Amino acid sequence: MIARRLKNEWAGVEKGKVACVIEHKLMLQYHRKLYDREFGRMPDPRKALPEPTWKKNAGIQ
């Protein structure tokens, strides 16, 4: 039921009728394989960010 609703909402985004889709927390938590199969998964953009300067210099005193 949740996957069907999400598919309909994403179809609305594709047509320009819906601005965004709010993902269902329980779907992500308990049905991750189904979610990934139906909607795919984007890589986490935070992993590509450089390490913060304060963290790099934490051991230097």
PDB file of N, CA and C in Angstrom:
ATOM      1  N   MET A   1       0.826  -1.182   0.000  1.00  0.00           N
ATOM      2  CA  MET A   1       0.000   0.000   0.000  1.00  0.00           C
ATOM      3  C   MET A   1       0.879   1.258   0.000  1.00  0.00           C
ATOM      4  N   ILE A   2       1.891   1.258   0.844  1.00  0.00           N
ATOM      5  CA  ILE A   2       2.775   2.429   0.920  1.00  0.00           C
ATOM      6  C   ILE A   2       3.575   2.573  -0.369  1.00  0.00           C
ATOM      7  N   ALA A   3       4.081   1.444  -0.878  1.00  0.00           N
ATOM      8  CA  ALA A   3       4.861   1.497  -2.123  1.00  0.00           C
ATOM      9  C   ALA A   3       4.006   2.006  -3.279  1.00  0.00           C
ATOM     10  N   ARG A   4       2.758   1.587  -3.334  1.00  0.00           N
ATOM     11  CA  ARG A   4       1.855   2.048  -4.395  1.00  0.00           C
ATOM     12  C   ARG A   4       1.650   3.561  -4.300  1.00  0.00           C
ATOM     13  N   ARG A   5       1.433   4.041  -3.073  1.00  0.00           N
ATOM     14  CA  ARG A   5       1.240   5.491  -2.887  1.00  0.00           C
ATOM     15  C   ARG A   5       2.493   6.258  -3.307  1.00  0.00           C
ATOM     16  N   LEU A   6       3.664   5.749  -2.906  1.00  0.00           N
ATOM     17  CA  LEU A   6       4.912   6.416  -3.277  1.00  0.00           C
ATOM     18  C   LEU A   6       5.108   6.431  -4.786  1.00  0.00           C
ATOM     19  N   LYS A   7       4.799   5.312  -5.449  1.00  0.00           N
ATOM     20  CA  LYS A   7       4.921   5.265  -6.909  1.00  0.00           C
ATOM     21  C   LYS A   7       4.020   6.307  -7.563  1.00  0.00           C
ATOM     22  N   ASN A   8       2.803   6.440  -7.060  1.00  0.00           N
ATOM     23  CA  ASN A   8       1.881   7.441  -7.606  1.00  0.00           C
ATOM     24  C   ASN A   8       2.406   8.855  -7.381  1.00  0.00           C
ATOM     25  N   GLU A   9       2.963   9.104  -6.202  1.00  0.00           N
ATOM     26  CA  GLU A   9       3.515  10.435  -5.922  1.00  0.00           C
ATOM     27  C   GLU A   9       4.713  10.730  -6.817  1.00  0.00           C
ATOM     28  N   TRP A  10       5.601   9.740  -7.009  1.00  0.00           N
ATOM     29  CA  TRP A  10       6.755   9.954  -7.885  1.00  0.00           C
ATOM     30  C   TRP A  10       6.318  10.168  -9.327  1.00  0.00           C
ATOM     31  N   ALA A  11       5.252   9.508  -9.742  1.00  0.00           N
ATOM     32  CA  ALA A  11       4.719   9.742 -11.085  1.00  0.00           C
ATOM     33  C   ALA A  11       4.239  11.188 -11.202  1.00  0.00           C
ATOM     34  N   GLY A  12       3.660  11.726 -10.119  1.00  0.00           N
ATOM     35  CA  GLY A  12       3.235  13.125 -10.107  1.00  0.00           C
ATOM     36  C   GLY A  12       4.409  14.076 -10.210  1.00  0.00           C
ATOM     37  N   VAL A  13       5.534  13.721  -9.593  1.00  0.00           N
ATOM     38  CA  VAL A  13       6.748  14.544  -9.693  1.00  0.00           C
ATOM     39  C   VAL A  13       7.224  14.564 -11.138  1.00  0.00           C
ATOM     40  N   GLU A  14       7.231  13.384 -11.758  1.00  0.00           N
ATOM     41  CA  GLU A  14       7.682  13.279 -13.143  1.00  0.00           C
ATOM     42  C   GLU A  14       6.833  14.132 -14.082  1.00  0.00           C
ATOM     43  N   LYS A  15       5.541  14.209 -13.801  1.00  0.00           N
ATOM     44  CA  LYS A  15       4.626  14.996 -14.638  1.00  0.00           C
ATOM     45  C   LYS A  15       4.615  16.475 -14.266  1.00  0.00           C
ATOM     46  N   GLY A  16       5.306  16.842 -13.189  1.00  0.00           N
ATOM     47  CA  GLY A  16       5.340  18.234 -12.769  1.00  0.00           C
ATOM     48  C   GLY A  16       4.146  18.653 -11.931  1.00  0.00           C
ATOM     49  N   LYS A  17       3.359  17.698 -11.465  1.00  0.00           N
ATOM     50  CA  LYS A  17       2.178  18.011 -10.665  1.00  0.00           C
ATOM     51  C   LYS A  17       2.467  18.003  -9.165  1.00  0.00           C
ATOM     52  N   VAL A  18       3.541  17.347  -8.764  1.00  0.00           N
ATOM     53  CA  VAL A  18       3.916  17.237  -7.349  1.00  0.00           C
ATOM     54  C   VAL A  18       5.332  17.778  -7.203  1.00  0.00           C
ATOM     55  N   ALA A  19       5.558  18.611  -6.181  1.00  0.00           N
ATOM     56  CA  ALA A  19       6.876  19.219  -5.994  1.00  0.00           C
ATOM     57  C   ALA A  19       7.862  18.289  -5.295  1.00  0.00           C
ATOM     58  N   CYS A  20       7.378  17.482  -4.353  1.00  0.00           N
ATOM     59  CA  CYS A  20       8.273  16.593  -3.628  1.00  0.00           C
ATOM     60  C   CYS A  20       7.494  15.411  -3.069  1.00  0.00           C
ATOM     61  N   VAL A  21       8.229  14.390  -2.647  1.00  0.00           N
ATOM     62  CA  VAL A  21       7.626  13.201  -2.063  1.00  0.00           C
ATOM     63  C   VAL A  21       8.212  13.024  -0.668  1.00  0.00           C
ATOM     64  N   ILE A  22       7.349  12.873   0.312  1.00  0.00           N
ATOM     65  CA  ILE A  22       7.814  12.614   1.671  1.00  0.00           C
ATOM     66  C   ILE A  22       7.850  11.107   1.854  1.00  0.00           C
ATOM     67  N   GLU A  23       9.035  10.599   2.130  1.00  0.00           N
ATOM     68  CA  GLU A  23       9.200   9.156   2.241  1.00  0.00           C
ATOM     69  C   GLU A  23       8.718   8.666   3.599  1.00  0.00           C
ATOM     70  N   HIS A  24       8.127   7.515   3.594  1.00  0.00           N
ATOM     71  CA  HIS A  24       7.530   6.928   4.780  1.00  0.00           C
ATOM     72  C   HIS A  24       8.616   6.258   5.625  1.00  0.00           C
ATOM     73  N   LYS A  25       8.770   6.691   6.869  1.00  0.00           N
ATOM     74  CA  LYS A  25       9.822   6.192   7.746  1.00  0.00           C
ATOM     75  C   LYS A  25       9.744   4.676   7.942  1.00  0.00           C
ATOM     76  N   LEU A  26       8.548   4.131   8.123  1.00  0.00           N
ATOM     77  CA  LEU A  26       8.412   2.692   8.343  1.00  0.00           C
ATOM     78  C   LEU A  26       8.803   1.898   7.101  1.00  0.00           C
ATOM     79  N   MET A  27       8.513   2.445   5.933  1.00  0.00           N
ATOM     80  CA  MET A  27       8.903   1.784   4.691  1.00  0.00           C
ATOM     81  C   MET A  27      10.419   1.667   4.635  1.00  0.00           C
ATOM     82  N   LEU A  28      11.102   2.736   4.984  1.00  0.00           N
ATOM     83  CA  LEU A  28      12.558   2.723   4.941  1.00  0.00           C
ATOM     84  C   LEU A  28      13.137   1.803   6.020  1.00  0.00           C
ATOM     85  N   GLN A  29      12.506   1.763   7.160  1.00  0.00           N
ATOM     86  CA  GLN A  29      13.031   0.987   8.284  1.00  0.00           C
ATOM     87  C   GLN A  29      12.785  -0.513   8.127  1.00  0.00           C
ATOM     88  N   TYR A  30      11.587  -0.900   7.749  1.00  0.00           N
ATOM     89  CA  TYR A  30      11.227  -2.318   7.769  1.00  0.00           C
ATOM     90  C   TYR A  30      11.196  -2.991   6.396  1.00  0.00           C
ATOM     91  N   HIS A  31      11.155  -2.210   5.340  1.00  0.00           N
ATOM     92  CA  HIS A  31      11.036  -2.788   4.002  1.00  0.00           C
ATOM     93  C   HIS A  31      12.096  -2.216   3.069  1.00  0.00           C
ATOM     94  N   ARG A  32      13.330  -2.130   3.536  1.00  0.00           N
ATOM     95  CA  ARG A  32      14.412  -1.511   2.773  1.00  0.00           C
ATOM     96  C   ARG A  32      14.639  -2.226   1.433  1.00  0.00           C
ATOM     97  N   LYS A  33      14.608  -3.558   1.408  1.00  0.00           N
ATOM     98  CA  LYS A  33      14.851  -4.286   0.152  1.00  0.00           C
ATOM     99  C   LYS A  33      13.774  -3.975  -0.885  1.00  0.00           C
ATOM    100  N   LEU A  34      12.516  -3.968  -0.458  1.00  0.00           N
ATOM    101  CA  LEU A  34      11.424  -3.622  -1.359  1.00  0.00           C
ATOM    102  C   LEU A  34      11.586  -2.186  -1.854  1.00  0.00           C
ATOM    103  N   TYR A  35      11.898  -1.288  -0.945  1.00  0.00           N
ATOM    104  CA  TYR A  35      12.073   0.125  -1.301  1.00  0.00           C
ATOM    105  C   TYR A  35      13.196   0.280  -2.331  1.00  0.00           C
ATOM    106  N   ASP A  36      14.341  -0.363  -2.065  1.00  0.00           N
ATOM    107  CA  ASP A  36      15.471  -0.258  -2.990  1.00  0.00           C
ATOM    108  C   ASP A  36      15.126  -0.857  -4.351  1.00  0.00           C
ATOM    109  N   ARG A  37      14.407  -1.976  -4.366  1.00  0.00           N
ATOM    110  CA  ARG A  37      14.037  -2.616  -5.623  1.00  0.00           C
ATOM    111  C   ARG A  37      13.084  -1.733  -6.436  1.00  0.00           C
ATOM    112  N   GLU A  38      12.120  -1.129  -5.771  1.00  0.00           N
ATOM    113  CA  GLU A  38      11.109  -0.332  -6.473  1.00  0.00           C
ATOM    114  C   GLU A  38      11.584   1.066  -6.850  1.00  0.00           C
ATOM    115  N   PHE A  39      12.392   1.674  -5.995  1.00  0.00           N
ATOM    116  CA  PHE A  39      12.735   3.081  -6.192  1.00  0.00           C
ATOM    117  C   PHE A  39      14.214   3.340  -6.405  1.00  0.00           C
ATOM    118  N   GLY A  40      15.056   2.339  -6.168  1.00  0.00           N
ATOM    119  CA  GLY A  40      16.490   2.546  -6.295  1.00  0.00           C
ATOM    120  C   GLY A  40      17.019   3.323  -5.101  1.00  0.00           C
ATOM    121  N   ARG A  41      18.299   3.533  -5.078  1.00  0.00           N
ATOM    122  CA  ARG A  41      18.893   4.265  -3.970  1.00  0.00           C
ATOM    123  C   ARG A  41      20.030   5.123  -4.504  1.00  0.00           C
ATOM    124  N   MET A  42      20.024   6.382  -4.111  1.00  0.00           N
ATOM    125  CA  MET A  42      21.100   7.288  -4.490  1.00  0.00           C
ATOM    126  C   MET A  42      22.210   7.176  -3.460  1.00  0.00           C
ATOM    127  N   PRO A  43      23.468   7.311  -3.882  1.00  0.00           N
ATOM    128  CA  PRO A  43      24.550   7.295  -2.908  1.00  0.00           C
ATOM    129  C   PRO A  43      24.447   8.500  -1.971  1.00  0.00           C
ATOM    130  N   ASP A  44      24.922   8.333  -0.773  1.00  0.00           N
ATOM    131  CA  ASP A  44      24.883   9.403   0.227  1.00  0.00           C
ATOM    132  C   ASP A  44      25.850  10.509  -0.186  1.00  0.00           C
ATOM    133  N   PRO A  45      25.352  11.715  -0.485  1.00  0.00           N
ATOM    134  CA  PRO A  45      26.247  12.795  -0.939  1.00  0.00           C
ATOM    135  C   PRO A  45      27.216  13.255   0.137  1.00  0.00           C
ATOM    136  N   ARG A  46      26.908  12.982   1.397  1.00  0.00           N
ATOM    137  CA  ARG A  46      27.803  13.417   2.475  1.00  0.00           C
ATOM    138  C   ARG A  46      29.123  12.666   2.459  1.00  0.00           C
ATOM    139  N   LYS A  47      29.156  11.472   1.887  1.00  0.00           N
ATOM    140  CA  LYS A  47      30.386  10.677   1.843  1.00  0.00           C
ATOM    141  C   LYS A  47      31.419  11.281   0.908  1.00  0.00           C
ATOM    142  N   ALA A  48      30.986  12.118  -0.030  1.00  0.00           N
ATOM    143  CA  ALA A  48      31.903  12.738  -0.984  1.00  0.00           C
ATOM    144  C   ALA A  48      32.474  14.061  -0.461  1.00  0.00           C
ATOM    145  N   LEU A  49      31.984  14.537   0.680  1.00  0.00           N
ATOM    146  CA  LEU A  49      32.468  15.805   1.228  1.00  0.00           C
ATOM    147  C   LEU A  49      33.845  15.628   1.854  1.00  0.00           C
ATOM    148  N   PRO A  50      34.681  16.662   1.783  1.00  0.00           N
ATOM    149  CA  PRO A  50      35.988  16.562   2.427  1.00  0.00           C
ATOM    150  C   PRO A  50      35.840  16.550   3.950  1.00  0.00           C
ATOM    151  N   GLU A  51      36.833  15.996   4.620  1.00  0.00           N
ATOM    152  CA  GLU A  51      36.805  15.956   6.078  1.00  0.00           C
ATOM    153  C   GLU A  51      36.918  17.384   6.622  1.00  0.00           C
ATOM    154  N   PRO A  52      36.144  17.740   7.646  1.00  0.00           N
ATOM    155  CA  PRO A  52      36.202  19.105   8.196  1.00  0.00           C
ATOM    156  C   PRO A  52      37.584  19.427   8.751  1.00  0.00           C
ATOM    157  N   THR A  53      37.976  20.677   8.613  1.00  0.00           N
ATOM    158  CA  THR A  53      39.298  21.121   9.076  1.00  0.00           C
ATOM    159  C   THR A  53      39.475  20.870  10.564  1.00  0.00           C
ATOM    160  N   TRP A  54      38.440  21.140  11.350  1.00  0.00           N
ATOM    161  CA  TRP A  54      38.554  20.947  12.793  1.00  0.00           C
ATOM    162  C   TRP A  54      38.794  19.484  13.145  1.00  0.00           C
ATOM    163  N   LYS A  55      38.324  18.586  12.323  1.00  0.00           N
ATOM    164  CA  LYS A  55      38.518  17.170  12.584  1.00  0.00           C
ATOM    165  C   LYS A  55      39.926  16.745  12.161  1.00  0.00           C
ATOM    166  N   LYS A  56      40.423  17.297  11.053  1.00  0.00           N
ATOM    167  CA  LYS A  56      41.767  16.970  10.576  1.00  0.00           C
ATOM    168  C   LYS A  56      42.819  17.409  11.584  1.00  0.00           C
ATOM    169  N   ASN A  57      42.610  18.585  12.174  1.00  0.00           N
ATOM    170  CA  ASN A  57      43.615  19.167  13.068  1.00  0.00           C
ATOM    171  C   ASN A  57      43.365  18.826  14.532  1.00  0.00           C
ATOM    172  N   ALA A  58      42.488  17.889  14.828  1.00  0.00           N
ATOM    173  CA  ALA A  58      42.128  17.569  16.210  1.00  0.00           C
ATOM    174  C   ALA A  58      43.312  17.024  17.000  1.00  0.00           C
ATOM    175  N   GLY A  59      44.207  16.277  16.353  1.00  0.00           N
ATOM    176  CA  GLY A  59      45.342  15.694  17.071  1.00  0.00           C
ATOM    177  C   GLY A  59      46.530  16.634  17.217  1.00  0.00           C
ATOM    178  N   ILE A  60      46.526  17.773  16.524  1.00  0.00           N
ATOM    179  CA  ILE A  60      47.650  18.733  16.562  1.00  0.00           C
ATOM    180  C   ILE A  60      47.423  19.737  17.675  1.00  0.00           C
ATOM    181  N   GLN A  61      48.451  19.918  18.503  1.00  0.00           N
ATOM    182  CA  GLN A  61      48.352  20.918  19.586  1.00  0.00           C
ATOM    183  C   GLN A  61      49.556  21.789  19.639  1.00  0.00           C
TER     184      GLN A  61
END
